[in-house]
Amino acid sequence: MGASGSQAQEVCSGSEPGSGKPAVKPACPNFSSGPCAKRPGWRLDALQDGALGRSHRSALGKKKLEECIDLTHELLGLPKDYVVGVVP
């Protein structure tokens, strides 16, 4: 459960005024705004070849989808005449 407004004020009350930083840091240093914490050892440069913000119709997007489909086909050991599809 998240902190209530008064609890959040308590946590931030010990911080430097105007800093916008909480006085207490999270117990988990791997905090992430996503659905889960970042794994230990995660680094921003891991996203270097990421297709972040790219359309699936771009050359890079098409290349990533083709790679995903090929790897899935191989991983599942599908016969050559089977097709793997990616749907939203």
Protein backbone atom coordinates (compact mmCIF):
# COMPACT_ATOMS: atom_id res chain seq x y z
CA MET A 1 0.00 0.00 0.00
CA GLY A 2 1.20 3.54 -0.70
CA ALA A 3 1.78 6.19 1.90
CA SER A 4 -1.06 8.53 2.73
CA GLY A 5 -0.63 12.27 2.14
CA SER A 6 0.32 12.94 5.76
CA GLN A 7 2.80 10.04 5.75
CA ALA A 8 4.36 11.36 2.55
CA GLN A 9 4.69 14.80 4.13
CA GLU A 10 6.36 13.22 7.17
CA VAL A 11 8.90 11.43 4.98
CA CYS A 12 9.65 14.60 3.00
CA SER A 13 9.61 16.96 5.98
CA GLY A 14 13.22 16.14 6.87
CA SER A 15 14.50 16.93 3.39
CA GLU A 16 16.12 20.13 2.29
CA PRO A 17 13.39 22.70 1.51
CA GLY A 18 12.80 23.01 -2.22
CA SER A 19 15.02 20.01 -3.08
CA GLY A 20 12.08 17.78 -4.00
CA LYS A 21 14.03 14.86 -2.52
CA PRO A 22 12.60 12.67 0.25
CA ALA A 23 14.36 12.52 3.62
CA VAL A 24 14.20 8.72 3.60
CA LYS A 25 15.42 6.57 0.71
CA PRO A 26 13.57 3.37 -0.32
CA ALA A 27 14.75 0.14 1.30
CA CYS A 28 15.21 -1.37 -2.17
CA PRO A 29 17.90 0.51 -4.14
CA ASN A 30 16.62 -1.08 -7.36
CA PHE A 31 13.43 1.01 -7.36
CA SER A 32 11.75 1.51 -10.73
CA SER A 33 8.63 3.33 -11.82
CA GLY A 34 7.67 0.33 -13.94
CA PRO A 35 5.77 -2.79 -12.87
CA CYS A 36 8.87 -4.22 -11.15
CA ALA A 37 12.24 -3.25 -9.74
CA LYS A 38 15.26 -3.14 -12.00
CA ARG A 39 17.41 -6.25 -11.70
CA PRO A 40 20.71 -5.96 -9.84
CA GLY A 41 23.44 -4.86 -12.24
CA TRP A 42 21.01 -3.12 -14.61
CA ARG A 43 22.63 -0.27 -16.56
CA LEU A 44 21.18 2.37 -18.82
CA ASP A 45 23.55 1.44 -21.66
CA ALA A 46 21.68 -1.89 -21.89
CA LEU A 47 19.11 0.10 -23.90
CA GLN A 48 21.63 1.22 -26.53
CA ASP A 49 20.09 -0.84 -29.31
CA GLY A 50 16.57 -0.54 -27.92
CA ALA A 51 13.79 0.51 -30.25
CA LEU A 52 12.31 2.84 -27.64
CA GLY A 53 9.70 5.16 -29.09
CA ARG A 54 10.06 3.62 -32.54
CA SER A 55 7.22 2.46 -34.72
CA HIS A 56 6.93 -1.22 -35.51
CA ARG A 57 6.85 -0.06 -39.13
CA SER A 58 10.32 1.54 -38.96
CA ALA A 59 13.31 -0.39 -40.31
CA LEU A 60 14.60 -0.94 -36.77
CA GLY A 61 11.16 -2.02 -35.54
CA LYS A 62 10.75 -4.50 -38.39
CA LYS A 63 14.23 -5.89 -37.71
CA LYS A 64 13.44 -6.36 -34.01
CA LEU A 65 10.12 -8.08 -34.80
CA GLU A 66 11.78 -10.38 -37.33
CA GLU A 67 14.44 -11.30 -34.76
CA CYS A 68 11.77 -11.97 -32.12
CA ILE A 69 9.75 -14.15 -34.49
CA ASP A 70 12.81 -16.12 -35.63
CA LEU A 71 14.01 -16.73 -32.07
CA THR A 72 10.52 -17.78 -30.96
CA HIS A 73 10.25 -20.18 -33.88
CA GLU A 74 13.63 -21.68 -33.00
CA LEU A 75 12.95 -21.83 -29.25
CA LEU A 76 9.66 -23.66 -29.76
CA GLY A 77 11.22 -26.05 -32.27
CA LEU A 78 8.42 -25.45 -34.77
CA PRO A 79 8.36 -27.14 -38.17
CA LYS A 80 9.53 -24.92 -41.04
CA ASP A 81 6.01 -24.58 -42.45
CA TYR A 82 4.65 -23.12 -39.13
CA VAL A 83 4.35 -19.36 -38.84
CA VAL A 84 4.83 -17.32 -35.68
CA GLY A 85 2.74 -14.17 -35.44
CA VAL A 86 3.01 -11.22 -33.07
CA VAL A 87 -0.27 -9.54 -32.20
CA PRO A 88 -0.98 -6.64 -29.85
